Amino acid sequence: MNVESYASSENPRKRVKLEEPDEKPFQNHPTLYIPDGSVILRTGGTLFCVHKSLLSKHSPVFKELFQQDNERFRGLPYYTMEETREDLEVLLNVLYDGLYVDVQNLTVETFPTLAAVLRMASKYKIERPCHEIVARIRKQWPASLADHD
């Protein structure tokens, strides 16, 4: 049956109500869908269009991923990621900010962001943010009681 299928043979003008699709269409990330990007990463319904060369330069995991042949979307290589939107966003922001982690003070409120950066940077083997975060934690939250004073 096509779109103009009839609901019954009795009323040939009545159309069958089409069901709405379950999945929402993809949405471009507001800041990390870069028009001149060379690869699209998707997590959930969010698309990130970023530069393959930048990600490959800083991450051997991305470099290996991008060497695989993959499907194309909007004319670019397209990869479905298993990370959440927030985790991928935090990782890409660190990469695009020159590997700088923009958290001034370690607090209970900022620690989840640092933990996400540390987790993602470790997974993708991006050493500089990992070393920076661990050094900050050790400095501001020392392990020994004597170092707290």
C-alpha atoms as a PDB file:
ATOM      1  CA  MET A   1       0.000   0.000   0.000  1.00  0.00           C
ATOM      2  CA  ASN A   2       1.240   3.474  -0.724  1.00  0.00           C
ATOM      3  CA  VAL A   3       0.698   6.747   1.125  1.00  0.00           C
ATOM      4  CA  GLU A   4      -2.662   7.253  -0.469  1.00  0.00           C
ATOM      5  CA  SER A   5      -3.949   3.843   0.617  1.00  0.00           C
ATOM      6  CA  TYR A   6      -7.576   3.743   1.485  1.00  0.00           C
ATOM      7  CA  ALA A   7      -8.827   2.849   4.953  1.00  0.00           C
ATOM      8  CA  SER A   8     -11.633   0.735   3.591  1.00  0.00           C
ATOM      9  CA  SER A   9     -13.263  -0.074   0.322  1.00  0.00           C
ATOM     10  CA  GLU A  10     -16.464   1.628   1.528  1.00  0.00           C
ATOM     11  CA  ASN A  11     -14.959   5.116   1.720  1.00  0.00           C
ATOM     12  CA  PRO A  12     -12.302   5.500  -0.972  1.00  0.00           C
ATOM     13  CA  ARG A  13     -11.430   9.067   0.156  1.00  0.00           C
ATOM     14  CA  LYS A  14     -10.483   8.144   3.718  1.00  0.00           C
ATOM     15  CA  ARG A  15      -6.716   7.769   4.192  1.00  0.00           C
ATOM     16  CA  VAL A  16      -4.954   5.433   6.539  1.00  0.00           C
ATOM     17  CA  LYS A  17      -3.244   7.309   9.364  1.00  0.00           C
ATOM     18  CA  LEU A  18       0.495   6.829   9.057  1.00  0.00           C
ATOM     19  CA  GLU A  19       2.401   6.056  12.234  1.00  0.00           C
ATOM     20  CA  GLU A  20       5.046   8.459  13.405  1.00  0.00           C
ATOM     21  CA  PRO A  21       8.572   7.054  13.271  1.00  0.00           C
ATOM     22  CA  ASP A  22       9.974   6.023  16.659  1.00  0.00           C
ATOM     23  CA  GLU A  23      13.348   7.661  16.129  1.00  0.00           C
ATOM     24  CA  LYS A  24      13.809  11.400  15.953  1.00  0.00           C
ATOM     25  CA  PRO A  25      15.963  12.684  13.120  1.00  0.00           C
ATOM     26  CA  PHE A  26      19.579  13.423  13.840  1.00  0.00           C
ATOM     27  CA  GLN A  27      20.481  16.807  15.279  1.00  0.00           C
ATOM     28  CA  ASN A  28      23.772  18.561  14.644  1.00  0.00           C
ATOM     29  CA  HIS A  29      25.645  19.444  17.824  1.00  0.00           C
ATOM     30  CA  PRO A  30      25.347  23.225  18.300  1.00  0.00           C
ATOM     31  CA  THR A  31      29.095  23.911  18.635  1.00  0.00           C
ATOM     32  CA  LEU A  32      30.854  20.720  17.559  1.00  0.00           C
ATOM     33  CA  TYR A  33      29.269  20.285  14.144  1.00  0.00           C
ATOM     34  CA  ILE A  34      31.988  22.098  12.241  1.00  0.00           C
ATOM     35  CA  PRO A  35      31.082  22.886   8.604  1.00  0.00           C
ATOM     36  CA  ASP A  36      34.534  22.029   7.238  1.00  0.00           C
ATOM     37  CA  GLY A  37      34.902  18.883   9.358  1.00  0.00           C
ATOM     38  CA  SER A  38      36.055  15.691   7.656  1.00  0.00           C
ATOM     39  CA  VAL A  39      34.313  12.986   9.704  1.00  0.00           C
ATOM     40  CA  ILE A  40      30.940  12.558  11.397  1.00  0.00           C
ATOM     41  CA  LEU A  41      30.643  10.918  14.808  1.00  0.00           C
ATOM     42  CA  ARG A  42      27.179   9.974  16.029  1.00  0.00           C
ATOM     43  CA  THR A  43      26.057   9.190  19.521  1.00  0.00           C
ATOM     44  CA  GLY A  44      22.368   8.767  20.121  1.00  0.00           C
ATOM     45  CA  GLY A  45      20.635  11.316  17.922  1.00  0.00           C
ATOM     46  CA  THR A  46      23.485  13.844  17.984  1.00  0.00           C
ATOM     47  CA  LEU A  47      25.955  14.335  15.137  1.00  0.00           C
ATOM     48  CA  PHE A  48      29.438  15.760  15.627  1.00  0.00           C
ATOM     49  CA  CYS A  49      31.260  16.854  12.463  1.00  0.00           C
ATOM     50  CA  VAL A  50      34.912  17.199  13.390  1.00  0.00           C
ATOM     51  CA  HIS A  51      38.377  17.076  11.873  1.00  0.00           C
ATOM     52  CA  LYS A  52      39.748  13.588  11.416  1.00  0.00           C
ATOM     53  CA  SER A  53      43.335  14.886  11.327  1.00  0.00           C
ATOM     54  CA  LEU A  54      43.054  16.584  14.745  1.00  0.00           C
ATOM     55  CA  LEU A  55      41.549  13.548  16.440  1.00  0.00           C
ATOM     56  CA  SER A  56      44.068  11.197  14.804  1.00  0.00           C
ATOM     57  CA  LYS A  57      46.983  13.424  15.804  1.00  0.00           C
ATOM     58  CA  HIS A  58      46.153  13.257  19.499  1.00  0.00           C
ATOM     59  CA  SER A  59      44.614   9.793  19.810  1.00  0.00           C
ATOM     60  CA  PRO A  60      45.994   6.486  18.520  1.00  0.00           C
ATOM     61  CA  VAL A  61      42.539   4.998  19.118  1.00  0.00           C
ATOM     62  CA  PHE A  62      40.892   7.497  16.755  1.00  0.00           C
ATOM     63  CA  LYS A  63      43.742   7.058  14.274  1.00  0.00           C
ATOM     64  CA  GLU A  64      43.121   3.305  14.159  1.00  0.00           C
ATOM     65  CA  LEU A  65      39.345   3.773  13.972  1.00  0.00           C
ATOM     66  CA  PHE A  66      39.626   6.131  11.014  1.00  0.00           C
ATOM     67  CA  GLN A  67      41.805   3.689   9.059  1.00  0.00           C
ATOM     68  CA  GLN A  68      38.840   1.315   8.807  1.00  0.00           C
ATOM     69  CA  ASP A  69      36.530   1.613   5.842  1.00  0.00           C
ATOM     70  CA  ASN A  70      33.158   2.768   7.010  1.00  0.00           C
ATOM     71  CA  GLU A  71      29.832   3.931   5.678  1.00  0.00           C
ATOM     72  CA  ARG A  72      29.343   7.515   4.556  1.00  0.00           C
ATOM     73  CA  PHE A  73      26.756  10.059   5.618  1.00  0.00           C
ATOM     74  CA  ARG A  74      26.408  13.504   4.065  1.00  0.00           C
ATOM     75  CA  GLY A  75      29.426  12.615   1.937  1.00  0.00           C
ATOM     76  CA  LEU A  76      31.744  12.055   4.928  1.00  0.00           C
ATOM     77  CA  PRO A  77      32.981   8.964   6.777  1.00  0.00           C
ATOM     78  CA  TYR A  78      30.465   8.167   9.506  1.00  0.00           C
ATOM     79  CA  TYR A  79      31.072   6.357  12.810  1.00  0.00           C
ATOM     80  CA  THR A  80      28.576   5.422  15.511  1.00  0.00           C
ATOM     81  CA  MET A  81      30.138   5.900  18.939  1.00  0.00           C
ATOM     82  CA  GLU A  82      29.167   4.076  22.138  1.00  0.00           C
ATOM     83  CA  GLU A  83      29.806   7.061  24.421  1.00  0.00           C
ATOM     84  CA  THR A  84      27.104   9.348  25.717  1.00  0.00           C
ATOM     85  CA  ARG A  85      26.657  12.741  24.113  1.00  0.00           C
ATOM     86  CA  GLU A  86      28.068  14.442  27.229  1.00  0.00           C
ATOM     87  CA  ASP A  87      31.197  12.266  27.356  1.00  0.00           C
ATOM     88  CA  LEU A  88      31.954  12.686  23.653  1.00  0.00           C
ATOM     89  CA  GLU A  89      31.300  16.418  23.912  1.00  0.00           C
ATOM     90  CA  VAL A  90      33.699  16.802  26.839  1.00  0.00           C
ATOM     91  CA  LEU A  91      36.429  14.861  24.996  1.00  0.00           C
ATOM     92  CA  LEU A  92      36.048  16.828  21.772  1.00  0.00           C
ATOM     93  CA  ASN A  93      36.042  20.138  23.649  1.00  0.00           C
ATOM     94  CA  VAL A  94      39.349  19.214  25.293  1.00  0.00           C
ATOM     95  CA  LEU A  95      40.828  18.298  21.908  1.00  0.00           C
ATOM     96  CA  TYR A  96      39.639  21.513  20.281  1.00  0.00           C
ATOM     97  CA  ASP A  97      40.775  23.632  23.249  1.00  0.00           C
ATOM     98  CA  GLY A  98      44.410  22.578  22.785  1.00  0.00           C
ATOM     99  CA  LEU A  99      44.238  19.706  25.297  1.00  0.00           C
ATOM    100  CA  TYR A 100      43.480  22.223  28.022  1.00  0.00           C
ATOM    101  CA  VAL A 101      41.092  21.193  30.782  1.00  0.00           C
ATOM    102  CA  ASP A 102      39.051  24.273  31.652  1.00  0.00           C
ATOM    103  CA  VAL A 103      38.335  23.649  35.340  1.00  0.00           C
ATOM    104  CA  GLN A 104      39.948  26.142  37.705  1.00  0.00           C
ATOM    105  CA  ASN A 105      39.314  24.560  41.094  1.00  0.00           C
ATOM    106  CA  LEU A 106      38.639  21.011  42.122  1.00  0.00           C
ATOM    107  CA  THR A 107      35.363  20.908  43.965  1.00  0.00           C
ATOM    108  CA  VAL A 108      32.563  18.446  44.421  1.00  0.00           C
ATOM    109  CA  GLU A 109      30.725  20.292  41.615  1.00  0.00           C
ATOM    110  CA  THR A 110      33.613  20.252  39.107  1.00  0.00           C
ATOM    111  CA  PHE A 111      34.872  16.760  39.850  1.00  0.00           C
ATOM    112  CA  PRO A 112      32.296  14.951  37.621  1.00  0.00           C
ATOM    113  CA  THR A 113      33.526  16.969  34.623  1.00  0.00           C
ATOM    114  CA  LEU A 114      37.149  16.158  35.417  1.00  0.00           C
ATOM    115  CA  ALA A 115      36.252  12.508  35.920  1.00  0.00           C
ATOM    116  CA  ALA A 116      34.571  12.427  32.494  1.00  0.00           C
ATOM    117  CA  VAL A 117      37.606  14.029  30.841  1.00  0.00           C
ATOM    118  CA  LEU A 118      39.945  11.613  32.620  1.00  0.00           C
ATOM    119  CA  ARG A 119      37.809   8.595  31.696  1.00  0.00           C
ATOM    120  CA  MET A 120      37.516   9.598  28.026  1.00  0.00           C
ATOM    121  CA  ALA A 121      41.132  10.718  27.661  1.00  0.00           C
ATOM    122  CA  SER A 122      42.259   7.402  29.167  1.00  0.00           C
ATOM    123  CA  LYS A 123      40.008   5.400  26.852  1.00  0.00           C
ATOM    124  CA  TYR A 124      41.261   7.236  23.770  1.00  0.00           C
ATOM    125  CA  LYS A 125      44.882   7.289  25.024  1.00  0.00           C
ATOM    126  CA  ILE A 126      45.266  11.068  25.058  1.00  0.00           C
ATOM    127  CA  GLU A 127      48.046  11.460  27.602  1.00  0.00           C
ATOM    128  CA  ARG A 128      48.353  15.179  28.245  1.00  0.00           C
ATOM    129  CA  PRO A 129      44.907  15.780  29.825  1.00  0.00           C
ATOM    130  CA  CYS A 130      45.317  12.601  31.897  1.00  0.00           C
ATOM    131  CA  HIS A 131      48.633  13.759  33.350  1.00  0.00           C
ATOM    132  CA  GLU A 132      47.283  17.260  33.971  1.00  0.00           C
ATOM    133  CA  ILE A 133      44.188  16.034  35.817  1.00  0.00           C
ATOM    134  CA  VAL A 134      46.049  13.505  37.948  1.00  0.00           C
ATOM    135  CA  ALA A 135      48.656  16.146  38.880  1.00  0.00           C
ATOM    136  CA  ARG A 136      45.878  18.578  39.850  1.00  0.00           C
ATOM    137  CA  ILE A 137      44.118  15.985  41.976  1.00  0.00           C
ATOM    138  CA  ARG A 138      47.341  15.048  43.745  1.00  0.00           C
ATOM    139  CA  LYS A 139      48.167  18.700  44.398  1.00  0.00           C
ATOM    140  CA  GLN A 140      44.733  19.822  45.628  1.00  0.00           C
ATOM    141  CA  TRP A 141      43.642  16.586  47.297  1.00  0.00           C
ATOM    142  CA  PRO A 142      46.854  15.079  48.702  1.00  0.00           C
ATOM    143  CA  ALA A 143      46.860  11.472  49.886  1.00  0.00           C
ATOM    144  CA  SER A 144      48.713  12.124  53.127  1.00  0.00           C
ATOM    145  CA  LEU A 145      47.381  14.100  56.063  1.00  0.00           C
ATOM    146  CA  ALA A 146      50.660  16.017  56.451  1.00  0.00           C
ATOM    147  CA  ASP A 147      50.342  17.427  52.919  1.00  0.00           C
ATOM    148  CA  HIS A 148      46.904  18.918  53.689  1.00  0.00           C
ATOM    149  CA  ASP A 149      48.344  21.502  56.059  1.00  0.00           C
END
